[in-house]
Amino acid sequence: MVKAWPGKTEEQKRRQAEAITRDVMDILGYGAESVSVAFEEVTPDRWKQDVYRPDIKARSDRLYKKPGYKM
């Protein structure tokens, strides 16, 4: 699940999904049929309560790449 602010084009989302799929296949050794990628658009005014608190702050011990900001 990729969470991002609204405004990315369908082309950008498609390319990102393809890149994630390639990396999962290359690094983890899975086939394309085992990979799914979804995008969830979250507005900036909802980011803190919908993404930062539940997905970043509450699960920081699971993050392999942490954001460069705090809220």
Protein backbone atom coordinates (compact mmCIF):
# COMPACT_ATOMS: atom_id res chain seq x y z
CA MET A 1 0.00 0.00 0.00
CA VAL A 2 1.45 3.32 -1.07
CA LYS A 3 -0.06 6.33 0.67
CA ALA A 4 0.48 9.70 -0.94
CA TRP A 5 -1.05 13.13 -1.29
CA PRO A 6 -3.56 13.50 -4.11
CA GLY A 7 -2.47 14.78 -7.48
CA LYS A 8 -0.30 12.01 -8.89
CA THR A 9 -1.24 11.03 -12.42
CA GLU A 10 -2.36 7.55 -13.41
CA GLU A 11 0.89 7.27 -15.38
CA GLN A 12 2.94 8.06 -12.26
CA LYS A 13 1.00 5.50 -10.23
CA ARG A 14 1.41 2.87 -12.94
CA ARG A 15 5.15 3.49 -13.20
CA GLN A 16 5.56 3.36 -9.42
CA ALA A 17 3.63 0.08 -9.25
CA GLU A 18 5.82 -1.38 -12.00
CA ALA A 19 9.00 -0.27 -10.19
CA ILE A 20 7.84 -1.74 -6.88
CA THR A 21 6.90 -4.99 -8.62
CA ARG A 22 10.31 -5.21 -10.34
CA ASP A 23 12.13 -4.61 -7.06
CA VAL A 24 10.08 -7.19 -5.16
CA MET A 25 10.74 -9.73 -7.90
CA ASP A 26 14.46 -8.94 -8.05
CA ILE A 27 15.19 -8.62 -4.33
CA LEU A 28 12.76 -11.10 -2.79
CA GLY A 29 12.57 -13.56 -5.65
CA TYR A 30 8.78 -13.54 -6.08
CA GLY A 31 6.96 -13.76 -9.39
CA ALA A 32 4.85 -10.87 -10.65
CA GLU A 33 1.71 -12.88 -9.87
CA SER A 34 2.60 -12.68 -6.16
CA VAL A 35 2.84 -8.89 -6.03
CA SER A 36 0.04 -6.37 -5.63
CA VAL A 37 0.37 -2.62 -5.30
CA ALA A 38 -2.36 -0.22 -4.21
CA PHE A 39 -2.41 3.54 -3.84
CA GLU A 40 -4.37 5.44 -1.23
CA GLU A 41 -4.61 9.19 -1.60
CA VAL A 42 -4.67 11.09 1.68
CA THR A 43 -5.09 14.86 1.81
CA PRO A 44 -2.48 16.89 3.71
CA ASP A 45 -5.03 17.92 6.34
CA ARG A 46 -5.74 14.22 7.11
CA TRP A 47 -2.15 12.95 6.89
CA LYS A 48 -1.35 13.22 10.59
CA GLN A 49 -4.41 11.34 11.83
CA ASP A 50 -4.79 8.88 8.93
CA VAL A 51 -1.16 8.04 8.15
CA TYR A 52 1.42 9.48 10.52
CA ARG A 53 -0.10 8.41 13.84
CA PRO A 54 -1.35 4.90 12.93
CA ASP A 55 1.18 3.84 10.28
CA ILE A 56 4.38 5.69 11.14
CA LYS A 57 4.42 6.62 14.81
CA ALA A 58 2.54 3.58 16.15
CA ARG A 59 4.55 1.14 14.00
CA SER A 60 7.96 2.79 13.95
CA ASP A 61 9.59 -0.46 15.08
CA ARG A 62 8.49 -2.06 11.78
CA LEU A 63 9.70 0.70 9.45
CA TYR A 64 12.82 -0.05 7.44
CA LYS A 65 12.71 3.43 5.93
CA LYS A 66 11.50 6.15 8.28
CA PRO A 67 10.38 9.55 7.03
CA GLY A 68 12.57 12.59 7.55
CA TYR A 69 9.86 14.48 9.42
CA LYS A 70 7.96 14.30 12.70
CA MET A 71 4.48 15.54 13.49
